PDB file of N, CA and C in Angstrom:
ATOM      1  N   MET A   1      -3.090  24.103   1.088  1.00  0.00           N
ATOM      2  CA  MET A   1      -2.007  24.178   1.753  1.00  0.00           C
ATOM      3  C   MET A   1      -2.665  24.388   3.242  1.00  0.00           C
ATOM      4  N   GLY A   2      -2.362  24.308   4.272  1.00  0.00           N
ATOM      5  CA  GLY A   2      -3.180  24.443   5.532  1.00  0.00           C
ATOM      6  C   GLY A   2      -2.372  25.939   6.184  1.00  0.00           C
ATOM      7  N   ARG A   3      -2.558  26.665   6.559  1.00  0.00           N
ATOM      8  CA  ARG A   3      -2.340  28.039   7.388  1.00  0.00           C
ATOM      9  C   ARG A   3      -0.788  28.079   8.029  1.00  0.00           C
ATOM     10  N   GLY A   4      -0.623  26.865   8.771  1.00  0.00           N
ATOM     11  CA  GLY A   4       0.692  26.370   8.947  1.00  0.00           C
ATOM     12  C   GLY A   4       1.754  25.874   8.159  1.00  0.00           C
ATOM     13  N   ALA A   5       1.764  25.365   7.326  1.00  0.00           N
ATOM     14  CA  ALA A   5       2.416  25.146   6.181  1.00  0.00           C
ATOM     15  C   ALA A   5       2.592  26.381   5.197  1.00  0.00           C
ATOM     16  N   ALA A   6       1.650  27.192   5.206  1.00  0.00           N
ATOM     17  CA  ALA A   6       1.872  28.515   4.397  1.00  0.00           C
ATOM     18  C   ALA A   6       2.795  29.740   5.401  1.00  0.00           C
ATOM     19  N   SER A   7       2.498  29.416   6.667  1.00  0.00           N
ATOM     20  CA  SER A   7       3.389  30.410   7.071  1.00  0.00           C
ATOM     21  C   SER A   7       4.851  30.264   7.363  1.00  0.00           C
ATOM     22  N   ASP A   8       5.135  28.612   6.983  1.00  0.00           N
ATOM     23  CA  ASP A   8       6.678  28.153   7.269  1.00  0.00           C
ATOM     24  C   ASP A   8       7.317  28.722   5.790  1.00  0.00           C
ATOM     25  N   LEU A   9       6.537  28.230   5.213  1.00  0.00           N
ATOM     26  CA  LEU A   9       7.196  29.097   3.777  1.00  0.00           C
ATOM     27  C   LEU A   9       7.227  30.751   3.630  1.00  0.00           C
ATOM     28  N   VAL A  10       6.414  31.139   4.033  1.00  0.00           N
ATOM     29  CA  VAL A  10       6.612  32.667   4.051  1.00  0.00           C
ATOM     30  C   VAL A  10       7.850  33.373   5.019  1.00  0.00           C
ATOM     31  N   HIS A  11       7.860  32.536   6.305  1.00  0.00           N
ATOM     32  CA  HIS A  11       8.938  32.883   7.237  1.00  0.00           C
ATOM     33  C   HIS A  11       9.927  32.071   7.126  1.00  0.00           C
ATOM     34  N   GLY A  12      10.126  30.801   6.054  1.00  0.00           N
ATOM     35  CA  GLY A  12      10.701  29.946   6.649  1.00  0.00           C
ATOM     36  C   GLY A  12      11.110  28.813   7.526  1.00  0.00           C
ATOM     37  N   GLU A  13      11.397  27.844   7.083  1.00  0.00           N
ATOM     38  CA  GLU A  13      11.248  26.412   7.587  1.00  0.00           C
ATOM     39  C   GLU A  13      12.085  26.555   8.808  1.00  0.00           C
ATOM     40  N   ARG A  14      13.403  26.930   9.039  1.00  0.00           N
ATOM     41  CA  ARG A  14      14.685  27.396   9.603  1.00  0.00           C
ATOM     42  C   ARG A  14      14.930  25.661   9.864  1.00  0.00           C
ATOM     43  N   TYR A  15      14.981  25.024   8.410  1.00  0.00           N
ATOM     44  CA  TYR A  15      15.423  23.491   9.138  1.00  0.00           C
ATOM     45  C   TYR A  15      17.388  23.779   8.668  1.00  0.00           C
ATOM     46  N   VAL A  16      17.970  25.176   8.617  1.00  0.00           N
ATOM     47  CA  VAL A  16      19.169  24.964   8.211  1.00  0.00           C
ATOM     48  C   VAL A  16      19.747  26.471   8.829  1.00  0.00           C
ATOM     49  N   LYS A  17      20.906  26.377   9.041  1.00  0.00           N
ATOM     50  CA  LYS A  17      21.270  27.745  10.190  1.00  0.00           C
ATOM     51  C   LYS A  17      20.912  29.401   9.473  1.00  0.00           C
ATOM     52  N   ASP A  18      21.561  29.135   8.145  1.00  0.00           N
ATOM     53  CA  ASP A  18      21.202  30.653   7.814  1.00  0.00           C
ATOM     54  C   ASP A  18      21.237  30.359   5.886  1.00  0.00           C
ATOM     55  N   PRO A  19      21.042  31.806   4.927  1.00  0.00           N
ATOM     56  CA  PRO A  19      20.866  31.646   4.182  1.00  0.00           C
ATOM     57  C   PRO A  19      22.324  31.008   2.845  1.00  0.00           C
ATOM     58  N   GLU A  20      23.239  31.091   3.805  1.00  0.00           N
ATOM     59  CA  GLU A  20      24.407  30.673   2.890  1.00  0.00           C
ATOM     60  C   GLU A  20      24.550  28.905   3.118  1.00  0.00           C
ATOM     61  N   ALA A  21      23.897  28.595   4.017  1.00  0.00           N
ATOM     62  CA  ALA A  21      24.013  27.033   4.045  1.00  0.00           C
ATOM     63  C   ALA A  21      22.975  26.613   3.314  1.00  0.00           C
ATOM     64  N   VAL A  22      21.768  27.284   3.200  1.00  0.00           N
ATOM     65  CA  VAL A  22      20.622  26.460   2.486  1.00  0.00           C
ATOM     66  C   VAL A  22      21.384  26.894   0.834  1.00  0.00           C
ATOM     67  N   LYS A  23      22.112  27.423   0.591  1.00  0.00           N
ATOM     68  CA  LYS A  23      22.783  27.569  -0.621  1.00  0.00           C
ATOM     69  C   LYS A  23      23.305  26.481  -0.981  1.00  0.00           C
ATOM     70  N   ARG A  24      24.226  26.130  -0.069  1.00  0.00           N
ATOM     71  CA  ARG A  24      25.408  25.236  -0.027  1.00  0.00           C
ATOM     72  C   ARG A  24      24.619  23.973   0.057  1.00  0.00           C
ATOM     73  N   PHE A  25      23.278  23.728   0.468  1.00  0.00           N
ATOM     74  CA  PHE A  25      22.485  22.422   0.377  1.00  0.00           C
ATOM     75  C   PHE A  25      21.689  22.603  -1.264  1.00  0.00           C
ATOM     76  N   VAL A  26      21.469  23.364  -1.785  1.00  0.00           N
ATOM     77  CA  VAL A  26      20.882  23.306  -2.839  1.00  0.00           C
ATOM     78  C   VAL A  26      22.094  23.189  -3.835  1.00  0.00           C
ATOM     79  N   ASP A  27      23.209  23.719  -3.437  1.00  0.00           N
ATOM     80  CA  ASP A  27      23.940  23.127  -5.151  1.00  0.00           C
ATOM     81  C   ASP A  27      24.498  21.757  -4.600  1.00  0.00           C
ATOM     82  N   SER A  28      24.367  21.189  -3.784  1.00  0.00           N
ATOM     83  CA  SER A  28      24.945  19.805  -3.673  1.00  0.00           C
ATOM     84  C   SER A  28      23.775  18.773  -3.954  1.00  0.00           C
ATOM     85  N   LEU A  29      22.675  19.141  -4.523  1.00  0.00           N
ATOM     86  CA  LEU A  29      21.738  18.460  -4.635  1.00  0.00           C
ATOM     87  C   LEU A  29      21.972  17.888  -6.012  1.00  0.00           C
ATOM     88  N   PRO A  30      21.823  16.776  -6.184  1.00  0.00           N
ATOM     89  CA  PRO A  30      21.983  16.201  -7.542  1.00  0.00           C
ATOM     90  C   PRO A  30      21.237  16.278  -8.846  1.00  0.00           C
ATOM     91  N   MET A  31      20.983  17.566  -8.999  1.00  0.00           N
ATOM     92  CA  MET A  31      19.833  17.828 -10.136  1.00  0.00           C
ATOM     93  C   MET A  31      20.088  17.299 -11.223  1.00  0.00           C
ATOM     94  N   THR A  32      19.100  16.563 -11.716  1.00  0.00           N
ATOM     95  CA  THR A  32      19.332  15.329 -12.812  1.00  0.00           C
ATOM     96  C   THR A  32      18.384  16.006 -14.060  1.00  0.00           C
ATOM     97  N   GLU A  33      18.707  15.779 -15.283  1.00  0.00           N
ATOM     98  CA  GLU A  33      17.748  15.724 -16.331  1.00  0.00           C
ATOM     99  C   GLU A  33      17.081  14.580 -16.619  1.00  0.00           C
ATOM    100  N   VAL A  34      16.119  14.403 -16.100  1.00  0.00           N
ATOM    101  CA  VAL A  34      15.469  12.845 -16.478  1.00  0.00           C
ATOM    102  C   VAL A  34      15.109  12.864 -18.002  1.00  0.00           C
ATOM    103  N   PRO A  35      15.660  11.612 -18.696  1.00  0.00           N
ATOM    104  CA  PRO A  35      15.536  11.584 -20.131  1.00  0.00           C
ATOM    105  C   PRO A  35      13.759  10.853 -20.550  1.00  0.00           C
ATOM    106  N   THR A  36      12.792  11.525 -19.888  1.00  0.00           N
ATOM    107  CA  THR A  36      11.374  11.247 -20.102  1.00  0.00           C
ATOM    108  C   THR A  36      10.661  12.338 -19.819  1.00  0.00           C
ATOM    109  N   ARG A  37       9.566  12.499 -20.688  1.00  0.00           N
ATOM    110  CA  ARG A  37       8.506  13.406 -20.326  1.00  0.00           C
ATOM    111  C   ARG A  37       8.069  13.427 -19.064  1.00  0.00           C
ATOM    112  N   TYR A  38       7.889  12.226 -18.274  1.00  0.00           N
ATOM    113  CA  TYR A  38       7.300  12.272 -17.477  1.00  0.00           C
ATOM    114  C   TYR A  38       7.948  11.249 -16.345  1.00  0.00           C
ATOM    115  N   VAL A  39       7.150  11.324 -14.917  1.00  0.00           N
ATOM    116  CA  VAL A  39       8.015  10.295 -14.191  1.00  0.00           C
ATOM    117  C   VAL A  39       6.812   9.796 -13.779  1.00  0.00           C
ATOM    118  N   VAL A  40       6.310   8.475 -13.665  1.00  0.00           N
ATOM    119  CA  VAL A  40       5.206   7.935 -13.230  1.00  0.00           C
ATOM    120  C   VAL A  40       5.292   7.105 -11.790  1.00  0.00           C
ATOM    121  N   LEU A  41       4.722   7.494 -10.590  1.00  0.00           N
ATOM    122  CA  LEU A  41       5.226   7.006  -9.324  1.00  0.00           C
ATOM    123  C   LEU A  41       4.132   5.727  -9.406  1.00  0.00           C
ATOM    124  N   LYS A  42       4.039   4.564  -9.327  1.00  0.00           N
ATOM    125  CA  LYS A  42       2.749   3.766  -8.920  1.00  0.00           C
ATOM    126  C   LYS A  42       3.215   2.310  -8.091  1.00  0.00           C
ATOM    127  N   PRO A  43       2.035   1.904  -7.977  1.00  0.00           N
ATOM    128  CA  PRO A  43       2.550   0.414  -7.074  1.00  0.00           C
ATOM    129  C   PRO A  43       2.923  -0.477  -8.057  1.00  0.00           C
ATOM    130  N   LEU A  44       4.277  -1.383  -7.261  1.00  0.00           N
ATOM    131  CA  LEU A  44       4.670  -2.254  -7.797  1.00  0.00           C
ATOM    132  C   LEU A  44       4.318  -3.058  -8.727  1.00  0.00           C
ATOM    133  N   ALA A  45       3.049  -3.709  -8.066  1.00  0.00           N
ATOM    134  CA  ALA A  45       2.050  -4.432  -8.292  1.00  0.00           C
ATOM    135  C   ALA A  45       1.611  -4.113  -9.929  1.00  0.00           C
ATOM    136  N   GLN A  46       1.308  -2.900  -9.999  1.00  0.00           N
ATOM    137  CA  GLN A  46       0.999  -2.425 -11.431  1.00  0.00           C
ATOM    138  C   GLN A  46       2.241  -2.106 -12.817  1.00  0.00           C
ATOM    139  N   VAL A  47       3.512  -2.386 -12.082  1.00  0.00           N
ATOM    140  CA  VAL A  47       4.747  -2.823 -13.567  1.00  0.00           C
ATOM    141  C   VAL A  47       4.559  -3.830 -14.388  1.00  0.00           C
ATOM    142  N   ARG A  48       4.480  -3.200 -15.431  1.00  0.00           N
ATOM    143  CA  ARG A  48       4.373  -4.188 -16.438  1.00  0.00           C
ATOM    144  C   ARG A  48       4.943  -5.127 -16.678  1.00  0.00           C
ATOM    145  N   PRO A  49       5.187  -6.115 -17.205  1.00  0.00           N
ATOM    146  CA  PRO A  49       6.147  -7.064 -17.745  1.00  0.00           C
ATOM    147  C   PRO A  49       6.886  -6.409 -18.734  1.00  0.00           C
ATOM    148  N   GLY A  50       8.177  -6.389 -18.787  1.00  0.00           N
ATOM    149  CA  GLY A  50       9.130  -5.601 -19.354  1.00  0.00           C
ATOM    150  C   GLY A  50       9.675  -4.331 -19.243  1.00  0.00           C
ATOM    151  N   GLU A  51       8.654  -3.329 -18.469  1.00  0.00           N
ATOM    152  CA  GLU A  51       8.812  -2.493 -17.718  1.00  0.00           C
ATOM    153  C   GLU A  51      10.104  -2.267 -16.735  1.00  0.00           C
ATOM    154  N   ARG A  52      11.265  -1.494 -16.319  1.00  0.00           N
ATOM    155  CA  ARG A  52      11.867  -1.739 -15.364  1.00  0.00           C
ATOM    156  C   ARG A  52      12.199  -0.336 -14.627  1.00  0.00           C
ATOM    157  N   PRO A  53      11.662  -0.712 -13.541  1.00  0.00           N
ATOM    158  CA  PRO A  53      11.506   0.337 -12.336  1.00  0.00           C
ATOM    159  C   PRO A  53      12.881   1.141 -12.409  1.00  0.00           C
ATOM    160  N   GLU A  54      13.014   2.584 -12.172  1.00  0.00           N
ATOM    161  CA  GLU A  54      14.199   3.249 -12.028  1.00  0.00           C
ATOM    162  C   GLU A  54      14.238   3.237 -10.292  1.00  0.00           C
ATOM    163  N   VAL A  55      13.476   3.161  -9.854  1.00  0.00           N
ATOM    164  CA  VAL A  55      13.677   3.405  -8.295  1.00  0.00           C
ATOM    165  C   VAL A  55      12.522   2.540  -7.830  1.00  0.00           C
ATOM    166  N   VAL A  56      12.793   2.140  -6.761  1.00  0.00           N
ATOM    167  CA  VAL A  56      11.370   1.187  -5.962  1.00  0.00           C
ATOM    168  C   VAL A  56      11.996   1.688  -4.523  1.00  0.00           C
ATOM    169  N   VAL A  57      10.301   2.060  -3.935  1.00  0.00           N
ATOM    170  CA  VAL A  57      10.228   3.050  -2.750  1.00  0.00           C
ATOM    171  C   VAL A  57       9.487   2.163  -1.811  1.00  0.00           C
ATOM    172  N   PHE A  58       9.660   1.384  -0.841  1.00  0.00           N
ATOM    173  CA  PHE A  58       9.100   0.845   0.273  1.00  0.00           C
ATOM    174  C   PHE A  58       8.782   1.433   1.296  1.00  0.00           C
ATOM    175  N   LEU A  59       7.348   1.493   1.658  1.00  0.00           N
ATOM    176  CA  LEU A  59       6.852   2.270   2.795  1.00  0.00           C
ATOM    177  C   LEU A  59       6.371   1.170   3.980  1.00  0.00           C
ATOM    178  N   VAL A  60       7.917   1.369   5.206  1.00  0.00           N
ATOM    179  CA  VAL A  60       7.290   0.542   6.187  1.00  0.00           C
ATOM    180  C   VAL A  60       7.585   0.626   7.424  1.00  0.00           C
ATOM    181  N   ASP A  61       7.462  -0.212   8.703  1.00  0.00           N
ATOM    182  CA  ASP A  61       7.854   0.277   9.578  1.00  0.00           C
ATOM    183  C   ASP A  61       9.226   0.149  10.145  1.00  0.00           C
ATOM    184  N   PRO A  62       9.597   0.404  11.522  1.00  0.00           N
ATOM    185  CA  PRO A  62      10.742   0.587  11.775  1.00  0.00           C
ATOM    186  C   PRO A  62      11.006  -0.991  12.032  1.00  0.00           C
ATOM    187  N   ASP A  63      10.537  -2.046  12.250  1.00  0.00           N
ATOM    188  CA  ASP A  63      11.101  -3.513  12.461  1.00  0.00           C
ATOM    189  C   ASP A  63      11.394  -3.929  10.517  1.00  0.00           C
ATOM    190  N   ARG A  64      10.257  -3.516   9.883  1.00  0.00           N
ATOM    191  CA  ARG A  64      10.689  -3.680   8.309  1.00  0.00           C
ATOM    192  C   ARG A  64      12.084  -3.115   8.103  1.00  0.00           C
ATOM    193  N   LEU A  65      12.087  -1.747   8.479  1.00  0.00           N
ATOM    194  CA  LEU A  65      13.420  -0.729   7.782  1.00  0.00           C
ATOM    195  C   LEU A  65      14.602  -1.810   8.471  1.00  0.00           C
ATOM    196  N   SER A  66      14.497  -2.296   9.348  1.00  0.00           N
ATOM    197  CA  SER A  66      15.773  -2.954  10.210  1.00  0.00           C
ATOM    198  C   SER A  66      16.446  -4.288   8.976  1.00  0.00           C
ATOM    199  N   ALA A  67      14.956  -4.684   8.424  1.00  0.00           N
ATOM    200  CA  ALA A  67      15.357  -6.072   7.636  1.00  0.00           C
ATOM    201  C   ALA A  67      15.668  -5.709   6.124  1.00  0.00           C
ATOM    202  N   LEU A  68      15.092  -4.574   6.304  1.00  0.00           N
ATOM    203  CA  LEU A  68      15.759  -3.813   4.634  1.00  0.00           C
ATOM    204  C   LEU A  68      16.998  -3.857   4.758  1.00  0.00           C
ATOM    205  N   VAL A  69      17.681  -2.942   5.542  1.00  0.00           N
ATOM    206  CA  VAL A  69      19.026  -2.631   5.571  1.00  0.00           C
ATOM    207  C   VAL A  69      20.195  -3.975   5.964  1.00  0.00           C
ATOM    208  N   VAL A  70      19.193  -5.049   6.889  1.00  0.00           N
ATOM    209  CA  VAL A  70      20.181  -6.026   6.780  1.00  0.00           C
ATOM    210  C   VAL A  70      20.227  -6.616   5.136  1.00  0.00           C
ATOM    211  N   LEU A  71      19.265  -6.498   4.252  1.00  0.00           N
ATOM    212  CA  LEU A  71      19.027  -6.867   3.306  1.00  0.00           C
ATOM    213  C   LEU A  71      19.914  -6.057   2.103  1.00  0.00           C
ATOM    214  N   ALA A  72      20.238  -5.385   2.204  1.00  0.00           N
ATOM    215  CA  ALA A  72      21.018  -4.440   1.485  1.00  0.00           C
ATOM    216  C   ALA A  72      22.303  -4.436   1.847  1.00  0.00           C
ATOM    217  N   ASN A  73      22.849  -4.840   2.868  1.00  0.00           N
ATOM    218  CA  ASN A  73      24.165  -5.335   3.354  1.00  0.00           C
ATOM    219  C   ASN A  73      24.373  -6.925   3.014  1.00  0.00           C
ATOM    220  N   TYR A  74      23.419  -7.609   2.330  1.00  0.00           N
ATOM    221  CA  TYR A  74      23.806  -9.077   2.210  1.00  0.00           C
ATOM    222  C   TYR A  74      24.910  -9.957   1.892  1.00  0.00           C
ATOM    223  N   ARG A  75      25.076  -9.110   0.461  1.00  0.00           N
ATOM    224  CA  ARG A  75      26.006  -9.826  -0.566  1.00  0.00           C
ATOM    225  C   ARG A  75      26.888  -8.687  -0.632  1.00  0.00           C
ATOM    226  N   ARG A  76      27.182  -7.538   0.174  1.00  0.00           N
ATOM    227  CA  ARG A  76      27.700  -6.661  -0.010  1.00  0.00           C
ATOM    228  C   ARG A  76      29.269  -7.130   0.693  1.00  0.00           C
ATOM    229  N   GLY A  77      30.567  -6.727   0.026  1.00  0.00           N
ATOM    230  CA  GLY A  77      31.565  -6.849   0.707  1.00  0.00           C
ATOM    231  C   GLY A  77      31.718  -5.545   2.118  1.00  0.00           C
ATOM    232  N   SER A  78      30.773  -4.945   1.970  1.00  0.00           N
ATOM    233  CA  SER A  78      31.317  -3.467   3.045  1.00  0.00           C
ATOM    234  C   SER A  78      30.037  -3.311   3.801  1.00  0.00           C
ATOM    235  N   ASN A  79      29.703  -2.458   4.403  1.00  0.00           N
ATOM    236  CA  ASN A  79      28.619  -2.432   5.398  1.00  0.00           C
ATOM    237  C   ASN A  79      28.064  -0.848   5.295  1.00  0.00           C
ATOM    238  N   GLU A  80      28.567  -0.506   4.237  1.00  0.00           N
ATOM    239  CA  GLU A  80      27.823   1.367   3.953  1.00  0.00           C
ATOM    240  C   GLU A  80      27.391   0.967   2.749  1.00  0.00           C
ATOM    241  N   ASN A  81      26.181   0.929   2.866  1.00  0.00           N
ATOM    242  CA  ASN A  81      25.257   0.504   1.766  1.00  0.00           C
ATOM    243  C   ASN A  81      23.991   0.700   1.621  1.00  0.00           C
ATOM    244  N   VAL A  82      23.736   1.511   2.855  1.00  0.00           N
ATOM    245  CA  VAL A  82      22.475   2.210   3.197  1.00  0.00           C
ATOM    246  C   VAL A  82      22.684   3.703   3.316  1.00  0.00           C
ATOM    247  N   ILE A  83      22.363   4.909   3.024  1.00  0.00           N
ATOM    248  CA  ILE A  83      22.433   6.035   3.307  1.00  0.00           C
ATOM    249  C   ILE A  83      20.969   6.772   3.921  1.00  0.00           C
ATOM    250  N   VAL A  84      21.360   7.747   4.798  1.00  0.00           N
ATOM    251  CA  VAL A  84      20.058   8.473   5.306  1.00  0.00           C
ATOM    252  C   VAL A  84      20.204  10.260   5.129  1.00  0.00           C
ATOM    253  N   PRO A  85      19.814  10.655   4.022  1.00  0.00           N
ATOM    254  CA  PRO A  85      20.313  12.028   3.404  1.00  0.00           C
ATOM    255  C   PRO A  85      19.665  13.115   4.285  1.00  0.00           C
ATOM    256  N   TRP A  86      19.717  14.112   4.783  1.00  0.00           N
ATOM    257  CA  TRP A  86      19.107  14.814   4.891  1.00  0.00           C
ATOM    258  C   TRP A  86      18.355  15.637   3.373  1.00  0.00           C
ATOM    259  N   GLY A  87      17.099  15.554   3.523  1.00  0.00           N
ATOM    260  CA  GLY A  87      16.628  16.517   2.412  1.00  0.00           C
ATOM    261  C   GLY A  87      14.747  16.474   2.349  1.00  0.00           C
ATOM    262  N   ALA A  88      14.416  16.807   1.662  1.00  0.00           N
ATOM    263  CA  ALA A  88      12.882  16.956   1.272  1.00  0.00           C
ATOM    264  C   ALA A  88      12.547  15.684   1.269  1.00  0.00           C
ATOM    265  N   GLY A  89      11.195  15.374   1.565  1.00  0.00           N
ATOM    266  CA  GLY A  89      10.789  14.019   1.193  1.00  0.00           C
ATOM    267  C   GLY A  89      10.772  13.518  -0.110  1.00  0.00           C
ATOM    268  N   CYS A  90      10.473  14.155  -0.866  1.00  0.00           N
ATOM    269  CA  CYS A  90      10.687  14.067  -2.027  1.00  0.00           C
ATOM    270  C   CYS A  90      12.027  14.454  -2.981  1.00  0.00           C
ATOM    271  N   GLN A  91      12.935  15.150  -2.429  1.00  0.00           N
ATOM    272  CA  GLN A  91      14.497  14.846  -2.778  1.00  0.00           C
ATOM    273  C   GLN A  91      14.859  13.561  -2.332  1.00  0.00           C
ATOM    274  N   THR A  92      14.399  12.806  -0.983  1.00  0.00           N
ATOM    275  CA  THR A  92      14.987  11.524  -0.279  1.00  0.00           C
ATOM    276  C   THR A  92      14.547  10.471  -1.351  1.00  0.00           C
ATOM    277  N   ILE A  93      13.469  10.375  -1.886  1.00  0.00           N
ATOM    278  CA  ILE A  93      12.822   9.221  -2.624  1.00  0.00           C
ATOM    279  C   ILE A  93      12.652   9.583  -4.232  1.00  0.00           C
ATOM    280  N   GLY A  94      13.414  10.631  -4.603  1.00  0.00           N
ATOM    281  CA  GLY A  94      13.284  11.247  -5.920  1.00  0.00           C
ATOM    282  C   GLY A  94      14.512  11.171  -6.293  1.00  0.00           C
ATOM    283  N   ILE A  95      15.764  12.529  -6.750  1.00  0.00           N
ATOM    284  CA  ILE A  95      16.685  12.632  -6.648  1.00  0.00           C
ATOM    285  C   ILE A  95      17.354  12.486  -6.583  1.00  0.00           C
ATOM    286  N   LEU A  96      17.398  12.093  -4.879  1.00  0.00           N
ATOM    287  CA  LEU A  96      18.463  11.327  -4.345  1.00  0.00           C
ATOM    288  C   LEU A  96      18.423   9.632  -4.555  1.00  0.00           C
ATOM    289  N   ALA A  97      17.757   8.987  -4.396  1.00  0.00           N
ATOM    290  CA  ALA A  97      17.447   7.521  -5.071  1.00  0.00           C
ATOM    291  C   ALA A  97      17.688   7.294  -6.218  1.00  0.00           C
ATOM    292  N   TYR A  98      17.213   8.428  -7.081  1.00  0.00           N
ATOM    293  CA  TYR A  98      17.550   8.243  -8.751  1.00  0.00           C
ATOM    294  C   TYR A  98      18.824   8.401  -8.884  1.00  0.00           C
ATOM    295  N   ARG A  99      20.092   9.546  -8.270  1.00  0.00           N
ATOM    296  CA  ARG A  99      21.233   9.443  -8.314  1.00  0.00           C
ATOM    297  C   ARG A  99      22.008   8.112  -8.018  1.00  0.00           C
ATOM    298  N   GLU A 100      21.426   7.332  -6.720  1.00  0.00           N
ATOM    299  CA  GLU A 100      22.045   5.969  -6.246  1.00  0.00           C
ATOM    300  C   GLU A 100      21.678   5.077  -7.511  1.00  0.00           C
ATOM    301  N   ALA A 101      20.725   4.886  -8.193  1.00  0.00           N
ATOM    302  CA  ALA A 101      20.338   3.582  -9.054  1.00  0.00           C
ATOM    303  C   ALA A 101      21.461   4.085 -10.048  1.00  0.00           C
ATOM    304  N   ARG A 102      21.913   5.025 -10.208  1.00  0.00           N
ATOM    305  CA  ARG A 102      22.964   5.195 -11.417  1.00  0.00           C
ATOM    306  C   ARG A 102      24.172   5.080 -11.085  1.00  0.00           C
ATOM    307  N   SER A 103      24.355   5.033  -9.993  1.00  0.00           N
ATOM    308  CA  SER A 103      26.294   5.121  -9.599  1.00  0.00           C
ATOM    309  C   SER A 103      26.522   3.439  -9.488  1.00  0.00           C
ATOM    310  N   ALA A 104      28.186   3.573  -9.538  1.00  0.00           N
ATOM    311  CA  ALA A 104      28.393   2.161  -9.459  1.00  0.00           C
ATOM    312  C   ALA A 104      28.645   1.260  -8.623  1.00  0.00           C
ATOM    313  N   GLN A 105      28.117   1.627  -7.291  1.00  0.00           N
ATOM    314  CA  GLN A 105      27.539   1.379  -6.054  1.00  0.00           C
ATOM    315  C   GLN A 105      26.608   1.777  -5.561  1.00  0.00           C
ATOM    316  N   PRO A 106      25.404   1.128  -6.475  1.00  0.00           N
ATOM    317  CA  PRO A 106      24.432   1.534  -5.758  1.00  0.00           C
ATOM    318  C   PRO A 106      23.794   1.437  -3.919  1.00  0.00           C
ATOM    319  N   ARG A 107      23.597   2.710  -3.417  1.00  0.00           N
ATOM    320  CA  ARG A 107      23.143   2.250  -2.156  1.00  0.00           C
ATOM    321  C   ARG A 107      21.788   2.605  -1.680  1.00  0.00           C
ATOM    322  N   ALA A 108      21.489   2.042  -0.855  1.00  0.00           N
ATOM    323  CA  ALA A 108      19.585   1.889  -0.453  1.00  0.00           C
ATOM    324  C   ALA A 108      19.220   3.436   0.332  1.00  0.00           C
ATOM    325  N   VAL A 109      18.436   4.018   0.031  1.00  0.00           N
ATOM    326  CA  VAL A 109      18.049   5.067   0.321  1.00  0.00           C
ATOM    327  C   VAL A 109      17.012   5.205   1.749  1.00  0.00           C
ATOM    328  N   VAL A 110      17.068   6.141   2.777  1.00  0.00           N
ATOM    329  CA  VAL A 110      16.117   5.957   3.407  1.00  0.00           C
ATOM    330  C   VAL A 110      15.577   7.311   3.546  1.00  0.00           C
ATOM    331  N   GLY A 111      14.466   6.892   3.103  1.00  0.00           N
ATOM    332  CA  GLY A 111      13.812   8.819   2.938  1.00  0.00           C
ATOM    333  C   GLY A 111      12.733   8.931   3.767  1.00  0.00           C
ATOM    334  N   LEU A 112      11.776   9.765   3.322  1.00  0.00           N
ATOM    335  CA  LEU A 112      10.626  10.476   3.919  1.00  0.00           C
ATOM    336  C   LEU A 112      10.871  11.008   5.748  1.00  0.00           C
ATOM    337  N   THR A 113      12.225  11.426   5.927  1.00  0.00           N
ATOM    338  CA  THR A 113      12.458  11.696   6.954  1.00  0.00           C
ATOM    339  C   THR A 113      12.151  13.047   7.212  1.00  0.00           C
ATOM    340  N   ASP A 114      11.605  13.959   6.203  1.00  0.00           N
ATOM    341  CA  ASP A 114      11.348  15.153   6.272  1.00  0.00           C
ATOM    342  C   ASP A 114      10.284  15.633   7.244  1.00  0.00           C
ATOM    343  N   LEU A 115      10.695  16.475   8.125  1.00  0.00           N
ATOM    344  CA  LEU A 115       9.724  16.746   9.686  1.00  0.00           C
ATOM    345  C   LEU A 115       8.537  17.200   8.586  1.00  0.00           C
ATOM    346  N   SER A 116       8.454  17.945   7.862  1.00  0.00           N
ATOM    347  CA  SER A 116       7.358  18.966   7.164  1.00  0.00           C
ATOM    348  C   SER A 116       6.539  18.186   6.494  1.00  0.00           C
ATOM    349  N   ALA A 117       7.105  17.059   5.579  1.00  0.00           N
ATOM    350  CA  ALA A 117       6.411  16.335   4.435  1.00  0.00           C
ATOM    351  C   ALA A 117       5.858  14.978   5.827  1.00  0.00           C
ATOM    352  N   ARG A 118       6.658  14.670   6.653  1.00  0.00           N
ATOM    353  CA  ARG A 118       5.938  13.195   7.494  1.00  0.00           C
ATOM    354  C   ARG A 118       4.279  13.704   7.919  1.00  0.00           C
ATOM    355  N   LYS A 119       3.860  14.671   8.551  1.00  0.00           N
ATOM    356  CA  LYS A 119       2.340  15.160   8.817  1.00  0.00           C
ATOM    357  C   LYS A 119       1.792  14.756   7.404  1.00  0.00           C
ATOM    358  N   TYR A 120       1.797  14.860   6.521  1.00  0.00           N
ATOM    359  CA  TYR A 120       0.993  14.984   5.301  1.00  0.00           C
ATOM    360  C   TYR A 120       1.388  13.519   4.462  1.00  0.00           C
ATOM    361  N   VAL A 121       2.333  12.503   4.703  1.00  0.00           N
ATOM    362  CA  VAL A 121       2.416  11.499   4.397  1.00  0.00           C
ATOM    363  C   VAL A 121       1.555  10.776   5.570  1.00  0.00           C
ATOM    364  N   ALA A 122       1.562  10.901   6.664  1.00  0.00           N
ATOM    365  CA  ALA A 122       0.793  10.465   7.908  1.00  0.00           C
ATOM    366  C   ALA A 122      -0.394  10.488   7.662  1.00  0.00           C
ATOM    367  N   ARG A 123      -1.254  11.135   7.035  1.00  0.00           N
ATOM    368  CA  ARG A 123      -2.330  11.246   6.466  1.00  0.00           C
ATOM    369  C   ARG A 123      -3.036  10.243   5.551  1.00  0.00           C
ATOM    370  N   GLN A 124      -2.246  10.150   4.636  1.00  0.00           N
ATOM    371  CA  GLN A 124      -2.176   8.976   3.493  1.00  0.00           C
ATOM    372  C   GLN A 124      -1.834   7.933   3.850  1.00  0.00           C
ATOM    373  N   LEU A 125      -0.807   7.471   4.460  1.00  0.00           N
ATOM    374  CA  LEU A 125      -0.492   6.269   4.613  1.00  0.00           C
ATOM    375  C   LEU A 125      -0.216   5.527   6.574  1.00  0.00           C
ATOM    376  N   GLY A 126      -0.398   6.288   7.273  1.00  0.00           N
ATOM    377  CA  GLY A 126      -0.970   6.229   8.746  1.00  0.00           C
ATOM    378  C   GLY A 126       0.862   6.480   9.034  1.00  0.00           C
ATOM    379  N   HIS A 127       0.708   5.985  10.368  1.00  0.00           N
ATOM    380  CA  HIS A 127       1.784   6.333  11.115  1.00  0.00           C
ATOM    381  C   HIS A 127       2.418   5.003  11.167  1.00  0.00           C
TER     382      HIS A 127
END
């Protein structure tokens, strides 16, 4: 962890107005007991026949994101089938996407919008 990130954690990142708002945010997270010992993240190409991924994450540029939004609404009778929740990068592609996958009308989740995580993700994935 770099000095800047460590300083953020010690002094607070300041993404939420006050400690009470932070508590409300944390309390609103869909904390979930995952019924497996491990959670495995791997490329879709490595999913074996018979395996059923719980969540699929696409890393895309803005043009492809627009196309995925169209596809998420293509066969639905409404136009609110994609959400952009605020949260940590791992929350948006993890517990929030997992919650949606289990809902009666699952929505696509646009994630990895966390400003703190983006600089680390960009190093691995590019801009």
